[in-house]
Amino acid sequence: MQTRKLAQGAIAAALATVLSMFTLFRAPYGGSVTMGSMVPILLYGLMYGPKWGMMASGAYIAIQMLTGFYPPPTPALYSFLLVIFLDYVLAFGVLGLAEPLGRPFGRKKVVMGSTLAVLLRFLAHFLSGMVIWGVYAPEGQPVWLYSLTYNGGYMAGELVVTLLLMVLITRSVPLARLKGETAGQ
């Protein structure tokens, strides 16, 4: 069973990466609305829990950094480290936590866990936008408003696509069946 979970986690990270390449909208300084790139990681986390979900998230984080890293606008080491932590480790890491985030909501676990994970990802990008990327805010615009509109714009679209796909997939095939469980187990 462990080998199967590892293989499925690798497949989830790979599929998430492929889906991230199909964009509906790409923001100029990073961020995009994709064809559901978060869905494989969210599903995997919902199926197997936070330990396994975080492992798949970790693989996805590494791939995202290798394939699309946006360096910070300042050369300071702290900016570089904050971009890595906020825009990659924290932002994509929370996707693996969909199961415990959704657990209190019972039958609505898939929708609520996915929604909360995506909202936490948005918060990570929002903080990064205020602390690091705020140098791109138009003159006179508060940095928090710039970060809210910039990151909220693409993350709202990403949330809609993600929830639509999550509902369609889990209504068609329940999580237990995706894991390979049968009713008798």
Protein backbone atom coordinates (compact mmCIF):
# COMPACT_ATOMS: atom_id res chain seq x y z
CA MET A 1 0.00 0.00 0.00
CA GLN A 2 2.87 2.42 0.74
CA THR A 3 4.33 1.94 -2.73
CA ARG A 4 0.93 2.57 -4.26
CA LYS A 5 0.53 5.81 -2.28
CA LEU A 6 4.01 6.97 -3.28
CA ALA A 7 3.33 6.22 -6.93
CA GLN A 8 -0.01 8.02 -6.81
CA GLY A 9 1.66 11.01 -5.12
CA ALA A 10 4.27 11.17 -7.87
CA ILE A 11 1.51 10.97 -10.47
CA ALA A 12 -0.43 13.74 -8.68
CA ALA A 13 2.63 16.02 -8.67
CA ALA A 14 3.36 15.25 -12.34
CA LEU A 15 -0.26 15.79 -13.40
CA ALA A 16 -0.43 19.04 -11.42
CA THR A 17 2.70 20.20 -13.22
CA VAL A 18 1.30 19.36 -16.65
CA LEU A 19 -2.00 21.09 -15.83
CA SER A 20 -0.11 24.19 -14.65
CA MET A 21 1.25 24.57 -18.19
CA PHE A 22 -2.25 25.03 -19.61
CA THR A 23 -3.19 28.54 -18.59
CA LEU A 24 -6.35 30.52 -19.12
CA PHE A 25 -4.68 33.68 -17.80
CA ARG A 26 -1.10 34.52 -16.78
CA ALA A 27 -0.33 37.51 -14.53
CA PRO A 28 2.77 39.54 -15.45
CA TYR A 29 4.78 38.95 -12.24
CA GLY A 30 3.73 35.37 -11.57
CA GLY A 31 0.46 33.63 -10.86
CA SER A 32 -2.04 32.24 -13.32
CA VAL A 33 -5.42 30.67 -13.77
CA THR A 34 -4.76 27.14 -14.96
CA MET A 35 -6.76 24.17 -16.15
CA GLY A 36 -6.99 22.85 -12.59
CA SER A 37 -3.36 22.45 -11.58
CA MET A 38 -4.19 22.25 -7.86
CA VAL A 39 -6.79 19.50 -8.29
CA PRO A 40 -4.43 16.48 -8.31
CA ILE A 41 -2.67 17.61 -5.11
CA LEU A 42 -5.95 18.46 -3.38
CA LEU A 43 -7.49 15.12 -4.34
CA TYR A 44 -4.43 13.21 -3.20
CA GLY A 45 -4.40 15.08 0.13
CA LEU A 46 -8.11 14.42 0.61
CA MET A 47 -7.64 10.72 -0.15
CA TYR A 48 -4.63 10.02 2.06
CA GLY A 49 -4.47 12.79 4.67
CA PRO A 50 -1.95 15.47 5.56
CA LYS A 51 1.21 13.36 5.80
CA TRP A 52 0.89 12.03 2.28
CA GLY A 53 -0.66 15.25 0.99
CA MET A 54 2.34 17.24 2.21
CA MET A 55 4.72 14.79 0.54
CA ALA A 56 2.97 15.29 -2.81
CA SER A 57 2.90 19.05 -2.18
CA GLY A 58 6.64 18.98 -1.50
CA ALA A 59 7.31 17.31 -4.83
CA TYR A 60 5.05 19.82 -6.57
CA ILE A 61 6.82 22.73 -4.83
CA ALA A 62 10.20 21.53 -6.08
CA ILE A 63 8.90 21.15 -9.64
CA GLN A 64 7.20 24.57 -9.55
CA MET A 65 10.42 26.21 -8.43
CA LEU A 66 12.42 24.47 -11.14
CA THR A 67 9.99 25.27 -13.93
CA GLY A 68 8.69 28.72 -13.08
CA PHE A 69 10.58 30.51 -10.32
CA TYR A 70 10.09 34.27 -10.27
CA PRO A 71 13.07 35.94 -8.53
CA PRO A 72 12.23 38.82 -6.18
CA PRO A 73 12.50 42.42 -7.42
CA THR A 74 15.30 43.19 -4.96
CA PRO A 75 18.67 41.41 -4.66
CA ALA A 76 18.48 41.12 -0.85
CA LEU A 77 18.87 37.60 0.52
CA TYR A 78 15.85 37.97 2.80
CA SER A 79 13.67 38.77 -0.26
CA PHE A 80 14.89 35.66 -2.02
CA LEU A 81 14.21 33.50 1.05
CA LEU A 82 10.78 35.06 1.59
CA VAL A 83 9.80 34.40 -2.02
CA ILE A 84 10.79 30.76 -1.62
CA PHE A 85 8.91 30.43 1.66
CA LEU A 86 5.75 32.45 0.93
CA ASP A 87 5.24 31.95 -2.81
CA TYR A 88 6.30 28.31 -2.97
CA VAL A 89 6.71 26.39 0.30
CA LEU A 90 3.73 27.88 2.14
CA ALA A 91 1.51 28.64 -0.86
CA PHE A 92 1.74 25.19 -2.44
CA GLY A 93 2.35 23.31 0.80
CA VAL A 94 -1.12 24.12 2.16
CA LEU A 95 -2.70 22.22 -0.74
CA GLY A 96 -1.70 18.96 0.94
CA LEU A 97 -3.75 19.95 4.00
CA ALA A 98 -7.15 19.80 2.30
CA GLU A 99 -8.23 16.74 4.29
CA PRO A 100 -7.78 18.12 7.84
CA LEU A 101 -9.09 21.52 6.72
CA GLY A 102 -12.25 19.91 5.36
CA ARG A 103 -12.70 17.23 8.03
CA PRO A 104 -14.95 19.32 10.32
CA PHE A 105 -17.41 19.82 7.47
CA GLY A 106 -18.41 16.15 7.02
CA ARG A 107 -20.09 15.59 3.67
CA LYS A 108 -18.87 19.00 2.46
CA LYS A 109 -15.25 17.98 3.14
CA VAL A 110 -14.16 18.09 -0.50
CA VAL A 111 -15.53 21.56 -1.22
CA MET A 112 -14.61 23.11 2.12
CA GLY A 113 -11.16 21.49 2.36
CA SER A 114 -10.34 22.59 -1.19
CA THR A 115 -11.72 26.09 -0.63
CA LEU A 116 -9.80 26.60 2.62
CA ALA A 117 -6.57 25.26 1.12
CA VAL A 118 -6.88 27.62 -1.86
CA LEU A 119 -7.71 30.54 0.45
CA LEU A 120 -4.61 29.77 2.51
CA ARG A 121 -2.58 29.71 -0.70
CA PHE A 122 -4.04 33.12 -1.55
CA LEU A 123 -3.06 34.45 1.90
CA ALA A 124 0.54 33.32 1.36
CA HIS A 125 0.67 35.14 -1.98
CA PHE A 126 -1.10 38.17 -0.46
CA LEU A 127 1.54 38.43 2.27
CA SER A 128 4.29 38.02 -0.29
CA GLY A 129 2.71 40.73 -2.40
CA MET A 130 2.72 43.14 0.52
CA VAL A 131 6.20 42.32 1.78
CA ILE A 132 8.13 41.69 -1.45
CA TRP A 133 6.22 42.46 -4.62
CA GLY A 134 4.70 45.74 -3.39
CA VAL A 135 7.40 47.64 -5.28
CA TYR A 136 5.23 47.11 -8.37
CA ALA A 137 2.21 48.87 -6.82
CA PRO A 138 1.16 51.94 -8.81
CA GLU A 139 2.21 55.18 -7.20
CA GLY A 140 -0.32 56.24 -4.58
CA GLN A 141 -1.98 52.82 -4.30
CA PRO A 142 -1.68 51.13 -0.89
CA VAL A 143 0.50 48.04 -1.07
CA TRP A 144 -2.18 45.89 0.61
CA LEU A 145 -4.72 46.91 -2.06
CA TYR A 146 -2.27 46.19 -4.85
CA SER A 147 -1.53 42.74 -3.41
CA LEU A 148 -5.22 42.03 -2.83
CA THR A 149 -6.24 42.91 -6.39
CA TYR A 150 -3.22 41.35 -8.09
CA ASN A 151 -3.27 38.04 -6.19
CA GLY A 152 -7.02 37.99 -5.69
CA GLY A 153 -7.59 38.39 -9.41
CA TYR A 154 -5.90 35.21 -10.51
CA MET A 155 -6.59 33.22 -7.32
CA ALA A 156 -10.35 33.83 -7.60
CA GLY A 157 -10.30 32.37 -11.10
CA GLU A 158 -8.13 29.48 -9.95
CA LEU A 159 -10.58 28.78 -7.09
CA VAL A 160 -13.56 28.66 -9.45
CA VAL A 161 -11.85 26.26 -11.87
CA THR A 162 -10.57 24.11 -8.99
CA LEU A 163 -13.93 23.82 -7.22
CA LEU A 164 -15.76 23.07 -10.44
CA LEU A 165 -13.35 20.22 -11.25
CA MET A 166 -13.28 18.91 -7.66
CA VAL A 167 -17.07 18.68 -7.54
CA LEU A 168 -17.32 17.08 -10.99
CA ILE A 169 -14.63 14.51 -10.20
CA THR A 170 -15.80 13.55 -6.71
CA ARG A 171 -19.45 13.35 -7.74
CA SER A 172 -18.46 11.00 -10.54
CA VAL A 173 -15.99 8.92 -8.52
CA PRO A 174 -16.07 9.04 -4.70
CA LEU A 175 -12.75 9.49 -2.87
CA ALA A 176 -12.86 5.93 -1.51
CA ARG A 177 -13.11 4.58 -5.03
CA LEU A 178 -10.27 6.81 -6.21
CA LYS A 179 -8.12 5.21 -3.50
CA GLY A 180 -9.08 1.76 -4.75
CA GLU A 181 -11.24 0.92 -1.73
CA THR A 182 -14.39 -1.09 -2.05
CA ALA A 183 -17.50 -0.88 0.10
CA GLY A 184 -16.53 -4.05 1.98
CA GLN A 185 -13.13 -2.75 3.17
